[in-house]
Amino acid sequence: MAADVAGRVKLVKVNVDAAPRLAGRFDVQAIPALVVLRDGQVAARQAGAAGAGLRSWVEQATAA
């Protein structure tokens, strides 16, 4: 999926054990947590495994 959205979306994986302040900044309460940022602000969030619906969720979350 990263290749499909390259240039439009930057996918980043964060180890919350190694970066607890970052996890706190985005109020991560469950793992996995998916957060879409637009202009530095949270545009969408989802907790738990996304599975097959991940692609459609990212497309909806990033639609302008």
N, C-alpha and C. Protein backbone atom coordinates (compact mmCIF):
# COMPACT_ATOMS: atom_id res chain seq x y z
N MET A 1 0.82 -1.19 0.00
CA MET A 1 0.00 0.00 0.00
C MET A 1 0.86 1.26 0.00
N ALA A 2 2.00 1.22 0.67
CA ALA A 2 2.88 2.39 0.72
C ALA A 2 3.27 2.84 -0.67
N ALA A 3 3.53 1.90 -1.56
CA ALA A 3 3.90 2.26 -2.93
C ALA A 3 2.73 2.90 -3.67
N ASP A 4 1.53 2.44 -3.39
CA ASP A 4 0.33 2.97 -4.05
C ASP A 4 0.04 4.42 -3.67
N VAL A 5 0.36 4.80 -2.46
CA VAL A 5 0.04 6.15 -1.98
C VAL A 5 1.27 7.05 -1.90
N ALA A 6 2.39 6.57 -2.41
CA ALA A 6 3.64 7.35 -2.38
C ALA A 6 3.43 8.69 -3.06
N GLY A 7 3.93 9.74 -2.43
CA GLY A 7 3.78 11.08 -2.96
C GLY A 7 2.55 11.79 -2.43
N ARG A 8 1.57 11.04 -1.95
CA ARG A 8 0.36 11.62 -1.37
C ARG A 8 0.32 11.44 0.14
N VAL A 9 0.84 10.31 0.60
CA VAL A 9 0.77 9.95 2.02
C VAL A 9 2.14 9.44 2.46
N LYS A 10 2.55 9.83 3.65
CA LYS A 10 3.78 9.31 4.22
C LYS A 10 3.39 8.37 5.36
N LEU A 11 3.76 7.11 5.23
CA LEU A 11 3.46 6.13 6.26
C LEU A 11 4.64 6.01 7.21
N VAL A 12 4.37 6.07 8.51
CA VAL A 12 5.42 6.03 9.51
C VAL A 12 5.02 5.06 10.61
N LYS A 13 5.95 4.23 11.02
CA LYS A 13 5.71 3.30 12.12
C LYS A 13 6.51 3.80 13.32
N VAL A 14 5.86 3.89 14.47
CA VAL A 14 6.51 4.39 15.68
C VAL A 14 6.43 3.34 16.77
N ASN A 15 7.55 3.07 17.41
CA ASN A 15 7.59 2.18 18.57
C ASN A 15 7.25 3.02 19.80
N VAL A 16 6.05 2.88 20.34
CA VAL A 16 5.62 3.73 21.44
C VAL A 16 6.39 3.44 22.73
N ASP A 17 6.98 2.26 22.85
CA ASP A 17 7.82 1.98 24.02
C ASP A 17 9.10 2.81 23.97
N ALA A 18 9.60 3.04 22.77
CA ALA A 18 10.82 3.83 22.60
C ALA A 18 10.53 5.33 22.52
N ALA A 19 9.28 5.68 22.23
CA ALA A 19 8.91 7.10 22.09
C ALA A 19 7.63 7.41 22.86
N PRO A 20 7.66 7.27 24.20
CA PRO A 20 6.44 7.46 24.98
C PRO A 20 5.89 8.89 24.93
N ARG A 21 6.76 9.89 24.78
CA ARG A 21 6.26 11.27 24.70
C ARG A 21 5.46 11.48 23.41
N LEU A 22 5.90 10.87 22.33
CA LEU A 22 5.16 10.97 21.07
C LEU A 22 3.81 10.28 21.19
N ALA A 23 3.80 9.12 21.83
CA ALA A 23 2.54 8.41 22.05
C ALA A 23 1.59 9.26 22.90
N GLY A 24 2.12 9.93 23.90
CA GLY A 24 1.30 10.80 24.73
C GLY A 24 0.79 12.01 23.99
N ARG A 25 1.63 12.55 23.11
CA ARG A 25 1.23 13.72 22.32
C ARG A 25 0.01 13.44 21.47
N PHE A 26 -0.08 12.20 20.95
CA PHE A 26 -1.22 11.84 20.11
C PHE A 26 -2.23 10.98 20.84
N ASP A 27 -2.13 10.94 22.16
CA ASP A 27 -3.09 10.25 23.02
C ASP A 27 -3.34 8.80 22.58
N VAL A 28 -2.25 8.08 22.32
CA VAL A 28 -2.35 6.68 21.93
C VAL A 28 -2.71 5.86 23.16
N GLN A 29 -3.85 5.21 23.12
CA GLN A 29 -4.33 4.41 24.24
C GLN A 29 -4.30 2.92 23.95
N ALA A 30 -4.27 2.54 22.68
CA ALA A 30 -4.29 1.14 22.28
C ALA A 30 -3.28 0.93 21.15
N ILE A 31 -2.80 -0.29 21.06
CA ILE A 31 -1.86 -0.65 20.01
C ILE A 31 -2.50 -1.76 19.20
N PRO A 32 -2.54 -1.68 17.90
CA PRO A 32 -2.04 -0.59 17.09
C PRO A 32 -2.98 0.60 17.09
N ALA A 33 -2.41 1.76 16.84
CA ALA A 33 -3.19 2.99 16.70
C ALA A 33 -2.80 3.61 15.36
N LEU A 34 -3.79 3.99 14.60
CA LEU A 34 -3.56 4.63 13.31
C LEU A 34 -4.00 6.08 13.41
N VAL A 35 -3.12 6.98 13.04
CA VAL A 35 -3.42 8.41 13.14
C VAL A 35 -3.05 9.06 11.81
N VAL A 36 -3.98 9.83 11.28
CA VAL A 36 -3.71 10.61 10.06
C VAL A 36 -3.56 12.06 10.48
N LEU A 37 -2.43 12.65 10.09
CA LEU A 37 -2.17 14.06 10.39
C LEU A 37 -2.28 14.87 9.10
N ARG A 38 -2.90 16.01 9.20
CA ARG A 38 -2.96 16.95 8.08
C ARG A 38 -2.57 18.30 8.64
N ASP A 39 -1.51 18.87 8.11
CA ASP A 39 -0.98 20.15 8.58
C ASP A 39 -0.66 20.11 10.07
N GLY A 40 -0.16 18.97 10.55
CA GLY A 40 0.23 18.82 11.94
C GLY A 40 -0.90 18.56 12.92
N GLN A 41 -2.12 18.48 12.41
CA GLN A 41 -3.29 18.24 13.27
C GLN A 41 -3.89 16.86 12.96
N VAL A 42 -4.45 16.23 13.97
CA VAL A 42 -5.07 14.92 13.78
C VAL A 42 -6.32 15.09 12.92
N ALA A 43 -6.32 14.42 11.77
CA ALA A 43 -7.47 14.47 10.86
C ALA A 43 -8.35 13.25 11.03
N ALA A 44 -7.76 12.13 11.45
CA ALA A 44 -8.52 10.89 11.68
C ALA A 44 -7.70 9.99 12.59
N ARG A 45 -8.41 9.13 13.29
CA ARG A 45 -7.74 8.18 14.19
C ARG A 45 -8.55 6.91 14.26
N GLN A 46 -7.84 5.80 14.45
CA GLN A 46 -8.47 4.49 14.56
C GLN A 46 -7.61 3.64 15.48
N ALA A 47 -8.23 2.96 16.40
CA ALA A 47 -7.51 2.05 17.30
C ALA A 47 -7.84 0.62 16.91
N GLY A 48 -6.85 -0.25 17.02
CA GLY A 48 -7.06 -1.65 16.71
C GLY A 48 -6.63 -1.97 15.28
N ALA A 49 -6.59 -3.25 14.99
CA ALA A 49 -6.17 -3.70 13.66
C ALA A 49 -7.19 -3.29 12.61
N ALA A 50 -6.70 -2.80 11.49
CA ALA A 50 -7.58 -2.30 10.44
C ALA A 50 -7.95 -3.39 9.44
N GLY A 51 -7.07 -4.33 9.20
CA GLY A 51 -7.35 -5.43 8.28
C GLY A 51 -7.63 -4.97 6.87
N ALA A 52 -8.60 -5.61 6.24
CA ALA A 52 -8.91 -5.37 4.83
C ALA A 52 -9.41 -3.96 4.56
N GLY A 53 -9.97 -3.30 5.56
CA GLY A 53 -10.52 -1.96 5.36
C GLY A 53 -9.51 -0.84 5.47
N LEU A 54 -8.24 -1.17 5.67
CA LEU A 54 -7.21 -0.15 5.87
C LEU A 54 -7.11 0.80 4.67
N ARG A 55 -7.06 0.25 3.48
CA ARG A 55 -6.90 1.09 2.29
C ARG A 55 -8.04 2.10 2.16
N SER A 56 -9.28 1.67 2.33
CA SER A 56 -10.41 2.59 2.20
C SER A 56 -10.41 3.61 3.33
N TRP A 57 -10.01 3.20 4.54
CA TRP A 57 -9.94 4.15 5.66
C TRP A 57 -8.91 5.24 5.36
N VAL A 58 -7.73 4.85 4.87
CA VAL A 58 -6.69 5.84 4.55
C VAL A 58 -7.17 6.75 3.44
N GLU A 59 -7.80 6.21 2.43
CA GLU A 59 -8.29 7.04 1.32
C GLU A 59 -9.33 8.04 1.80
N GLN A 60 -10.26 7.61 2.66
CA GLN A 60 -11.26 8.52 3.20
C GLN A 60 -10.62 9.57 4.09
N ALA A 61 -9.69 9.15 4.93
CA ALA A 61 -9.05 10.06 5.88
C ALA A 61 -8.19 11.11 5.19
N THR A 62 -7.67 10.79 4.03
CA THR A 62 -6.78 11.72 3.34
C THR A 62 -7.46 12.50 2.23
N ALA A 63 -8.74 12.22 1.98
CA ALA A 63 -9.47 12.98 0.95
C ALA A 63 -9.63 14.42 1.40
N ALA A 64 -9.36 15.33 0.51
CA ALA A 64 -9.42 16.75 0.87
C ALA A 64 -10.79 17.33 0.75
